[in-house]
Amino acid sequence: MVPVFDKTLPTIVACLDATLRRIGGVPAYALTDERRRSPRRVAHVANIAVRNPEIVEVARYYGLTIRTCLPADPEPKDGSEATARISKADLVPTDTNLLEQYPAFGHLEAACHTFGDEVNSRVHRDTRRKPAEALAEEQQRHRPQRPRPPHPT
C-alpha cells in the first residue's frame, strides 16, 4: 500500500517502482483495476483495454506486462479491494481529522508500511498461508529490479 496525493502518471510510475522495490524484483505481470479516467488506459477496442503509450513504455522499461481486471470479472481483484477497504477503515477513518494522527505525509507512509507488514504476516483464510510466505516463493521467479525508475515525460 502506497499513499498518494493524486493519480497522475508520474505518481503511478513512482508507486509501481516503490512496489517493485518492496517486493524485491519484477514479476511477469502487474494487475491493475479498470478506471475510466486512468492514465493507465486510453480506450477499449473490441473489449480490450488499449494502454496509454507512456505506461506501455514504463512497463517495457521494467520488463513486465500490465493486465487489467475487467468489471465483468471482479473476482481476481477481491483481495486488493479488500485490502484497500481495510486500510481505508484502519488508516483513514472518515470521521477523523488525520492531521493530529499523521502530522506529516511521512508518518502516513510509515503507517501504511507497518499495516502492510501486519496484513502480509497474517494467515489468509482462503490460501491458508501468509502472503509474505507466498511472496518469498514468488520472488524466486522475479527478475531483478532496474537501478533507477524511468522518467515519464
N, C-alpha and C. Protein backbone atom coordinates (compact mmCIF):
# COMPACT_ATOMS: atom_id res chain seq x y z
N MET A 1 0.84 -1.15 0.00
CA MET A 1 0.00 0.00 0.00
C MET A 1 0.90 1.23 0.00
N VAL A 2 0.64 2.13 -0.95
CA VAL A 2 1.44 3.34 -1.07
C VAL A 2 0.47 4.53 -1.08
N PRO A 3 0.50 5.38 -0.06
CA PRO A 3 -0.40 6.54 -0.06
C PRO A 3 0.06 7.58 -1.08
N VAL A 4 -0.90 8.23 -1.73
CA VAL A 4 -0.57 9.24 -2.75
C VAL A 4 -1.52 10.43 -2.64
N PHE A 5 -1.10 11.54 -3.22
CA PHE A 5 -1.95 12.73 -3.28
C PHE A 5 -2.80 12.74 -4.54
N ASP A 6 -2.32 12.10 -5.61
CA ASP A 6 -3.03 12.15 -6.89
C ASP A 6 -2.82 10.85 -7.65
N LYS A 7 -3.45 10.74 -8.80
CA LYS A 7 -3.32 9.55 -9.63
C LYS A 7 -2.79 9.91 -11.01
N THR A 8 -1.85 10.83 -11.04
CA THR A 8 -1.23 11.22 -12.31
C THR A 8 -0.22 10.15 -12.72
N LEU A 9 0.18 10.18 -13.97
CA LEU A 9 1.12 9.18 -14.47
C LEU A 9 2.43 9.17 -13.69
N PRO A 10 3.07 10.30 -13.40
CA PRO A 10 4.31 10.24 -12.62
C PRO A 10 4.10 9.59 -11.24
N THR A 11 2.96 9.85 -10.61
CA THR A 11 2.68 9.24 -9.31
C THR A 11 2.48 7.74 -9.44
N ILE A 12 1.77 7.31 -10.48
CA ILE A 12 1.56 5.88 -10.70
C ILE A 12 2.90 5.18 -10.95
N VAL A 13 3.76 5.80 -11.72
CA VAL A 13 5.07 5.21 -12.00
C VAL A 13 5.88 5.12 -10.71
N ALA A 14 5.83 6.16 -9.89
CA ALA A 14 6.56 6.13 -8.62
C ALA A 14 6.03 5.03 -7.71
N CYS A 15 4.72 4.84 -7.69
CA CYS A 15 4.11 3.78 -6.88
C CYS A 15 4.51 2.40 -7.40
N LEU A 16 4.51 2.24 -8.70
CA LEU A 16 4.91 0.96 -9.29
C LEU A 16 6.36 0.66 -8.92
N ASP A 17 7.23 1.66 -9.07
CA ASP A 17 8.64 1.47 -8.75
C ASP A 17 8.81 1.12 -7.27
N ALA A 18 8.13 1.85 -6.39
CA ALA A 18 8.22 1.58 -4.94
C ALA A 18 7.73 0.17 -4.62
N THR A 19 6.67 -0.25 -5.27
CA THR A 19 6.13 -1.59 -5.03
C THR A 19 7.10 -2.66 -5.48
N LEU A 20 7.68 -2.49 -6.67
CA LEU A 20 8.63 -3.48 -7.17
C LEU A 20 9.86 -3.56 -6.27
N ARG A 21 10.30 -2.43 -5.75
CA ARG A 21 11.45 -2.43 -4.85
C ARG A 21 11.09 -3.12 -3.53
N ARG A 22 9.87 -2.89 -3.08
CA ARG A 22 9.46 -3.52 -1.81
C ARG A 22 9.31 -5.03 -1.95
N ILE A 23 8.80 -5.50 -3.07
CA ILE A 23 8.64 -6.95 -3.23
C ILE A 23 9.92 -7.61 -3.69
N GLY A 24 10.92 -6.82 -4.02
CA GLY A 24 12.24 -7.36 -4.30
C GLY A 24 12.45 -7.92 -5.68
N GLY A 25 11.79 -7.35 -6.69
CA GLY A 25 12.00 -7.80 -8.06
C GLY A 25 10.82 -7.49 -8.94
N VAL A 26 10.91 -7.96 -10.18
CA VAL A 26 9.88 -7.66 -11.18
C VAL A 26 9.17 -8.94 -11.59
N PRO A 27 7.88 -9.05 -11.31
CA PRO A 27 7.12 -10.22 -11.76
C PRO A 27 6.80 -10.10 -13.25
N ALA A 28 6.23 -11.11 -13.82
CA ALA A 28 5.87 -11.07 -15.25
C ALA A 28 4.73 -10.11 -15.51
N TYR A 29 3.80 -9.97 -14.55
CA TYR A 29 2.59 -9.16 -14.76
C TYR A 29 2.36 -8.20 -13.61
N ALA A 30 1.74 -7.07 -13.93
CA ALA A 30 1.21 -6.14 -12.94
C ALA A 30 -0.29 -6.08 -13.20
N LEU A 31 -1.08 -6.38 -12.18
CA LEU A 31 -2.53 -6.40 -12.32
C LEU A 31 -3.08 -5.07 -11.84
N THR A 32 -3.91 -4.45 -12.66
CA THR A 32 -4.48 -3.15 -12.32
C THR A 32 -6.00 -3.22 -12.46
N ASP A 33 -6.68 -2.33 -11.78
CA ASP A 33 -8.13 -2.30 -11.93
C ASP A 33 -8.49 -1.40 -13.11
N GLU A 34 -9.75 -1.37 -13.44
CA GLU A 34 -10.23 -0.60 -14.59
C GLU A 34 -10.80 0.72 -14.09
N ARG A 35 -10.16 1.80 -14.40
CA ARG A 35 -10.66 3.13 -14.03
C ARG A 35 -10.95 3.91 -15.30
N ARG A 36 -12.04 4.62 -15.28
CA ARG A 36 -12.46 5.31 -16.51
C ARG A 36 -11.48 6.38 -16.96
N ARG A 37 -11.00 7.19 -16.04
CA ARG A 37 -10.12 8.29 -16.43
C ARG A 37 -8.68 8.02 -16.01
N SER A 38 -8.30 6.80 -16.03
CA SER A 38 -6.97 6.43 -15.58
C SER A 38 -5.92 6.74 -16.64
N PRO A 39 -4.73 7.21 -16.22
CA PRO A 39 -3.65 7.38 -17.18
C PRO A 39 -3.08 6.05 -17.65
N ARG A 40 -3.56 4.95 -17.05
CA ARG A 40 -3.06 3.64 -17.45
C ARG A 40 -3.73 3.13 -18.72
N ARG A 41 -4.87 3.70 -19.12
CA ARG A 41 -5.55 3.18 -20.31
C ARG A 41 -6.05 4.35 -21.15
N VAL A 42 -6.28 4.08 -22.41
CA VAL A 42 -6.77 5.12 -23.32
C VAL A 42 -8.22 4.85 -23.70
N ALA A 43 -8.52 3.65 -24.17
CA ALA A 43 -9.86 3.33 -24.63
C ALA A 43 -10.01 1.81 -24.69
N HIS A 44 -11.19 1.38 -25.13
CA HIS A 44 -11.42 -0.04 -25.38
C HIS A 44 -11.66 -0.25 -26.86
N VAL A 45 -11.00 -1.24 -27.41
CA VAL A 45 -11.22 -1.64 -28.80
C VAL A 45 -11.47 -3.14 -28.77
N ALA A 46 -12.62 -3.56 -29.28
CA ALA A 46 -13.00 -4.98 -29.28
C ALA A 46 -12.93 -5.55 -27.86
N ASN A 47 -13.38 -4.76 -26.88
CA ASN A 47 -13.42 -5.15 -25.47
C ASN A 47 -12.03 -5.39 -24.87
N ILE A 48 -11.00 -4.79 -25.45
CA ILE A 48 -9.64 -4.89 -24.95
C ILE A 48 -9.16 -3.49 -24.58
N ALA A 49 -8.61 -3.36 -23.38
CA ALA A 49 -8.10 -2.06 -22.95
C ALA A 49 -6.88 -1.69 -23.77
N VAL A 50 -6.92 -0.52 -24.38
CA VAL A 50 -5.77 -0.01 -25.12
C VAL A 50 -5.00 0.89 -24.15
N ARG A 51 -3.79 0.55 -23.89
CA ARG A 51 -2.98 1.24 -22.89
C ARG A 51 -2.49 2.61 -23.35
N ASN A 52 -2.32 3.45 -22.36
CA ASN A 52 -1.67 4.73 -22.55
C ASN A 52 -0.24 4.43 -23.01
N PRO A 53 0.21 5.02 -24.11
CA PRO A 53 1.56 4.73 -24.62
C PRO A 53 2.67 4.96 -23.60
N GLU A 54 2.49 5.94 -22.72
CA GLU A 54 3.53 6.21 -21.72
C GLU A 54 3.63 5.09 -20.69
N ILE A 55 2.50 4.54 -20.27
CA ILE A 55 2.54 3.45 -19.29
C ILE A 55 3.05 2.17 -19.96
N VAL A 56 2.82 2.03 -21.26
CA VAL A 56 3.38 0.90 -22.00
C VAL A 56 4.90 0.99 -21.99
N GLU A 57 5.44 2.20 -22.18
CA GLU A 57 6.89 2.39 -22.12
C GLU A 57 7.44 2.07 -20.74
N VAL A 58 6.72 2.48 -19.71
CA VAL A 58 7.14 2.19 -18.34
C VAL A 58 7.17 0.68 -18.12
N ALA A 59 6.13 -0.01 -18.55
CA ALA A 59 6.07 -1.47 -18.41
C ALA A 59 7.22 -2.12 -19.16
N ARG A 60 7.49 -1.63 -20.35
CA ARG A 60 8.60 -2.16 -21.15
C ARG A 60 9.94 -1.93 -20.44
N TYR A 61 10.08 -0.77 -19.83
CA TYR A 61 11.31 -0.45 -19.09
C TYR A 61 11.56 -1.49 -17.99
N TYR A 62 10.50 -1.85 -17.28
CA TYR A 62 10.64 -2.83 -16.20
C TYR A 62 10.62 -4.27 -16.70
N GLY A 63 10.13 -4.49 -17.91
CA GLY A 63 10.04 -5.84 -18.44
C GLY A 63 8.85 -6.60 -17.89
N LEU A 64 7.74 -5.91 -17.71
CA LEU A 64 6.53 -6.58 -17.24
C LEU A 64 5.36 -6.24 -18.14
N THR A 65 4.31 -7.01 -18.02
CA THR A 65 3.09 -6.79 -18.78
C THR A 65 2.03 -6.29 -17.83
N ILE A 66 1.31 -5.25 -18.22
CA ILE A 66 0.22 -4.73 -17.39
C ILE A 66 -1.07 -5.37 -17.86
N ARG A 67 -1.77 -6.01 -16.94
CA ARG A 67 -3.05 -6.65 -17.21
C ARG A 67 -4.13 -5.91 -16.44
N THR A 68 -5.34 -5.94 -16.97
CA THR A 68 -6.45 -5.22 -16.36
C THR A 68 -7.54 -6.19 -15.94
N CYS A 69 -8.05 -6.00 -14.72
CA CYS A 69 -9.23 -6.75 -14.28
C CYS A 69 -10.43 -6.12 -14.97
N LEU A 70 -11.21 -6.92 -15.65
CA LEU A 70 -12.41 -6.41 -16.29
C LEU A 70 -13.55 -6.33 -15.29
N PRO A 71 -14.42 -5.33 -15.39
CA PRO A 71 -15.54 -5.20 -14.46
C PRO A 71 -16.44 -6.44 -14.43
N ALA A 72 -16.54 -7.16 -15.53
CA ALA A 72 -17.39 -8.35 -15.58
C ALA A 72 -16.81 -9.49 -14.77
N ASP A 73 -15.54 -9.41 -14.38
CA ASP A 73 -14.88 -10.49 -13.66
C ASP A 73 -14.17 -9.91 -12.44
N PRO A 74 -14.94 -9.49 -11.40
CA PRO A 74 -14.32 -8.82 -10.27
C PRO A 74 -13.54 -9.73 -9.34
N GLU A 75 -13.69 -11.05 -9.45
CA GLU A 75 -13.07 -11.96 -8.51
C GLU A 75 -11.56 -11.83 -8.40
N PRO A 76 -10.80 -11.70 -9.49
CA PRO A 76 -9.34 -11.62 -9.35
C PRO A 76 -8.85 -10.46 -8.51
N LYS A 77 -9.63 -9.40 -8.39
CA LYS A 77 -9.14 -8.26 -7.62
C LYS A 77 -9.79 -8.15 -6.24
N ASP A 78 -10.51 -9.17 -5.80
CA ASP A 78 -11.14 -9.12 -4.49
C ASP A 78 -10.14 -8.84 -3.39
N GLY A 79 -9.00 -9.49 -3.42
CA GLY A 79 -8.00 -9.32 -2.37
C GLY A 79 -7.51 -7.89 -2.28
N SER A 80 -7.20 -7.29 -3.43
CA SER A 80 -6.70 -5.92 -3.39
C SER A 80 -7.80 -4.95 -2.98
N GLU A 81 -9.04 -5.21 -3.40
CA GLU A 81 -10.15 -4.35 -3.00
C GLU A 81 -10.37 -4.45 -1.50
N ALA A 82 -10.30 -5.68 -0.96
CA ALA A 82 -10.48 -5.86 0.47
C ALA A 82 -9.37 -5.16 1.24
N THR A 83 -8.14 -5.26 0.76
CA THR A 83 -7.01 -4.61 1.42
C THR A 83 -7.21 -3.10 1.43
N ALA A 84 -7.65 -2.54 0.29
CA ALA A 84 -7.90 -1.10 0.22
C ALA A 84 -9.01 -0.70 1.18
N ARG A 85 -10.07 -1.48 1.24
CA ARG A 85 -11.20 -1.18 2.12
C ARG A 85 -10.74 -1.23 3.58
N ILE A 86 -9.98 -2.27 3.95
CA ILE A 86 -9.49 -2.41 5.32
C ILE A 86 -8.55 -1.26 5.66
N SER A 87 -7.64 -0.95 4.75
CA SER A 87 -6.67 0.11 5.05
C SER A 87 -7.35 1.45 5.18
N LYS A 88 -8.35 1.71 4.36
CA LYS A 88 -9.07 2.98 4.49
C LYS A 88 -9.76 3.06 5.84
N ALA A 89 -10.36 1.95 6.27
CA ALA A 89 -11.05 1.94 7.55
C ALA A 89 -10.07 2.08 8.71
N ASP A 90 -8.90 1.43 8.61
CA ASP A 90 -7.93 1.47 9.69
C ASP A 90 -7.07 2.73 9.70
N LEU A 91 -6.62 3.15 8.52
CA LEU A 91 -5.67 4.25 8.45
C LEU A 91 -6.31 5.61 8.20
N VAL A 92 -7.41 5.62 7.48
CA VAL A 92 -8.01 6.88 7.08
C VAL A 92 -9.51 6.88 7.41
N PRO A 93 -9.86 6.84 8.69
CA PRO A 93 -11.28 6.86 9.03
C PRO A 93 -11.91 8.18 8.60
N THR A 94 -13.13 8.12 8.08
CA THR A 94 -13.76 9.31 7.50
C THR A 94 -14.17 10.33 8.55
N ASP A 95 -14.38 9.90 9.79
CA ASP A 95 -14.83 10.85 10.81
C ASP A 95 -13.68 11.36 11.68
N THR A 96 -12.47 11.21 11.21
CA THR A 96 -11.30 11.61 11.98
C THR A 96 -10.48 12.64 11.22
N ASN A 97 -9.95 13.62 11.95
CA ASN A 97 -9.04 14.58 11.36
C ASN A 97 -7.65 13.96 11.37
N LEU A 98 -7.11 13.67 10.21
CA LEU A 98 -5.84 12.97 10.11
C LEU A 98 -4.63 13.81 10.49
N LEU A 99 -4.79 15.12 10.51
CA LEU A 99 -3.64 15.97 10.81
C LEU A 99 -3.08 15.71 12.21
N GLU A 100 -3.94 15.35 13.16
CA GLU A 100 -3.45 15.06 14.51
C GLU A 100 -2.68 13.75 14.55
N GLN A 101 -3.18 12.73 13.85
CA GLN A 101 -2.55 11.42 13.89
C GLN A 101 -1.34 11.32 12.96
N TYR A 102 -1.40 12.01 11.81
CA TYR A 102 -0.30 11.98 10.83
C TYR A 102 0.10 13.41 10.51
N PRO A 103 0.93 14.02 11.36
CA PRO A 103 1.29 15.43 11.14
C PRO A 103 2.09 15.66 9.86
N ALA A 104 2.72 14.62 9.34
CA ALA A 104 3.48 14.74 8.09
C ALA A 104 3.13 13.54 7.21
N PHE A 105 3.26 13.71 5.92
CA PHE A 105 2.94 12.64 4.98
C PHE A 105 3.80 11.40 5.24
N GLY A 106 5.02 11.61 5.67
CA GLY A 106 5.92 10.51 6.01
C GLY A 106 5.37 9.62 7.11
N HIS A 107 4.64 10.22 8.05
CA HIS A 107 4.02 9.43 9.11
C HIS A 107 2.94 8.51 8.53
N LEU A 108 2.16 9.02 7.59
CA LEU A 108 1.14 8.19 6.94
C LEU A 108 1.81 7.07 6.13
N GLU A 109 2.89 7.40 5.43
CA GLU A 109 3.63 6.37 4.69
C GLU A 109 4.14 5.27 5.62
N ALA A 110 4.67 5.66 6.76
CA ALA A 110 5.18 4.68 7.73
C ALA A 110 4.04 3.82 8.26
N ALA A 111 2.88 4.42 8.52
CA ALA A 111 1.72 3.65 9.00
C ALA A 111 1.26 2.66 7.93
N CYS A 112 1.27 3.07 6.68
CA CYS A 112 0.89 2.17 5.59
C CYS A 112 1.88 1.01 5.49
N HIS A 113 3.16 1.30 5.63
CA HIS A 113 4.19 0.26 5.57
C HIS A 113 4.00 -0.75 6.71
N THR A 114 3.77 -0.23 7.91
CA THR A 114 3.55 -1.09 9.08
C THR A 114 2.29 -1.93 8.90
N PHE A 115 1.22 -1.30 8.41
CA PHE A 115 -0.03 -2.03 8.19
C PHE A 115 0.16 -3.13 7.15
N GLY A 116 0.90 -2.84 6.09
CA GLY A 116 1.17 -3.85 5.06
C GLY A 116 1.93 -5.03 5.63
N ASP A 117 2.92 -4.76 6.46
CA ASP A 117 3.67 -5.84 7.11
C ASP A 117 2.75 -6.69 7.98
N GLU A 118 1.87 -6.01 8.71
CA GLU A 118 0.93 -6.71 9.59
C GLU A 118 -0.02 -7.62 8.79
N VAL A 119 -0.61 -7.08 7.74
CA VAL A 119 -1.55 -7.84 6.93
C VAL A 119 -0.84 -9.00 6.22
N ASN A 120 0.35 -8.77 5.71
CA ASN A 120 1.07 -9.81 4.98
C ASN A 120 1.64 -10.90 5.88
N SER A 121 1.61 -10.70 7.19
CA SER A 121 2.09 -11.74 8.10
C SER A 121 0.94 -12.56 8.69
N ARG A 122 -0.31 -12.21 8.35
CA ARG A 122 -1.48 -12.98 8.81
C ARG A 122 -1.76 -14.12 7.84
N VAL A 123 -2.28 -15.21 8.37
CA VAL A 123 -2.67 -16.33 7.52
C VAL A 123 -3.93 -15.94 6.76
N HIS A 124 -3.89 -16.09 5.43
CA HIS A 124 -5.03 -15.78 4.57
C HIS A 124 -6.07 -16.88 4.70
N ARG A 125 -7.34 -16.51 4.81
CA ARG A 125 -8.37 -17.52 5.06
C ARG A 125 -8.58 -18.46 3.89
N ASP A 126 -8.38 -18.01 2.65
CA ASP A 126 -8.59 -18.88 1.50
C ASP A 126 -7.37 -19.75 1.19
N THR A 127 -6.20 -19.15 1.17
CA THR A 127 -5.00 -19.91 0.81
C THR A 127 -4.39 -20.64 2.00
N ARG A 128 -4.77 -20.23 3.21
CA ARG A 128 -4.26 -20.81 4.45
C ARG A 128 -2.73 -20.67 4.59
N ARG A 129 -2.23 -19.61 4.00
CA ARG A 129 -0.81 -19.30 4.17
C ARG A 129 -0.64 -17.78 4.24
N LYS A 130 0.49 -17.37 4.75
CA LYS A 130 0.75 -15.95 4.88
C LYS A 130 1.17 -15.39 3.53
N PRO A 131 0.63 -14.22 3.14
CA PRO A 131 1.07 -13.60 1.89
C PRO A 131 2.58 -13.40 1.82
N ALA A 132 3.22 -13.11 2.94
CA ALA A 132 4.68 -12.93 2.94
C ALA A 132 5.39 -14.22 2.53
N GLU A 133 4.84 -15.37 2.91
CA GLU A 133 5.43 -16.65 2.51
C GLU A 133 5.24 -16.89 1.02
N ALA A 134 4.05 -16.56 0.52
CA ALA A 134 3.79 -16.70 -0.92
C ALA A 134 4.72 -15.79 -1.72
N LEU A 135 4.94 -14.57 -1.23
CA LEU A 135 5.84 -13.64 -1.91
C LEU A 135 7.26 -14.19 -1.94
N ALA A 136 7.70 -14.75 -0.84
CA ALA A 136 9.06 -15.32 -0.79
C ALA A 136 9.21 -16.41 -1.85
N GLU A 137 8.17 -17.19 -2.04
CA GLU A 137 8.20 -18.24 -3.08
C GLU A 137 8.20 -17.62 -4.48
N GLU A 138 7.37 -16.60 -4.66
CA GLU A 138 7.27 -15.94 -5.97
C GLU A 138 8.56 -15.20 -6.33
N GLN A 139 9.26 -14.67 -5.35
CA GLN A 139 10.47 -13.89 -5.60
C GLN A 139 11.53 -14.70 -6.35
N GLN A 140 11.47 -16.00 -6.22
CA GLN A 140 12.42 -16.85 -6.94
C GLN A 140 12.24 -16.73 -8.45
N ARG A 141 11.04 -16.34 -8.88
CA ARG A 141 10.76 -16.20 -10.31
C ARG A 141 10.85 -14.76 -10.80
N HIS A 142 11.01 -13.81 -9.88
CA HIS A 142 11.10 -12.39 -10.27
C HIS A 142 12.44 -12.08 -10.91
N ARG A 143 12.40 -11.12 -11.83
CA ARG A 143 13.63 -10.60 -12.42
C ARG A 143 14.14 -9.47 -11.53
N PRO A 144 15.45 -9.19 -11.59
CA PRO A 144 15.99 -8.10 -10.75
C PRO A 144 15.38 -6.75 -11.14
N GLN A 145 15.29 -5.88 -10.16
CA GLN A 145 14.78 -4.52 -10.36
C GLN A 145 15.86 -3.67 -11.03
N ARG A 146 15.45 -2.76 -11.89
CA ARG A 146 16.40 -1.84 -12.51
C ARG A 146 16.87 -0.84 -11.45
N PRO A 147 18.09 -0.31 -11.62
CA PRO A 147 18.63 0.56 -10.58
C PRO A 147 17.88 1.87 -10.38
N ARG A 148 17.33 2.43 -11.43
CA ARG A 148 16.64 3.72 -11.32
C ARG A 148 15.26 3.63 -11.96
N PRO A 149 14.28 4.35 -11.40
CA PRO A 149 12.95 4.37 -12.03
C PRO A 149 13.00 5.18 -13.33
N PRO A 150 12.09 4.89 -14.27
CA PRO A 150 12.05 5.67 -15.51
C PRO A 150 11.53 7.08 -15.24
N HIS A 151 11.75 7.95 -16.17
CA HIS A 151 11.28 9.32 -16.07
C HIS A 151 10.17 9.53 -17.10
N PRO A 152 8.87 9.43 -16.69
CA PRO A 152 7.82 9.65 -17.69
C PRO A 152 7.82 11.10 -18.17
N THR A 153 7.57 11.27 -19.44
CA THR A 153 7.59 12.63 -19.99
C THR A 153 6.21 13.23 -20.02
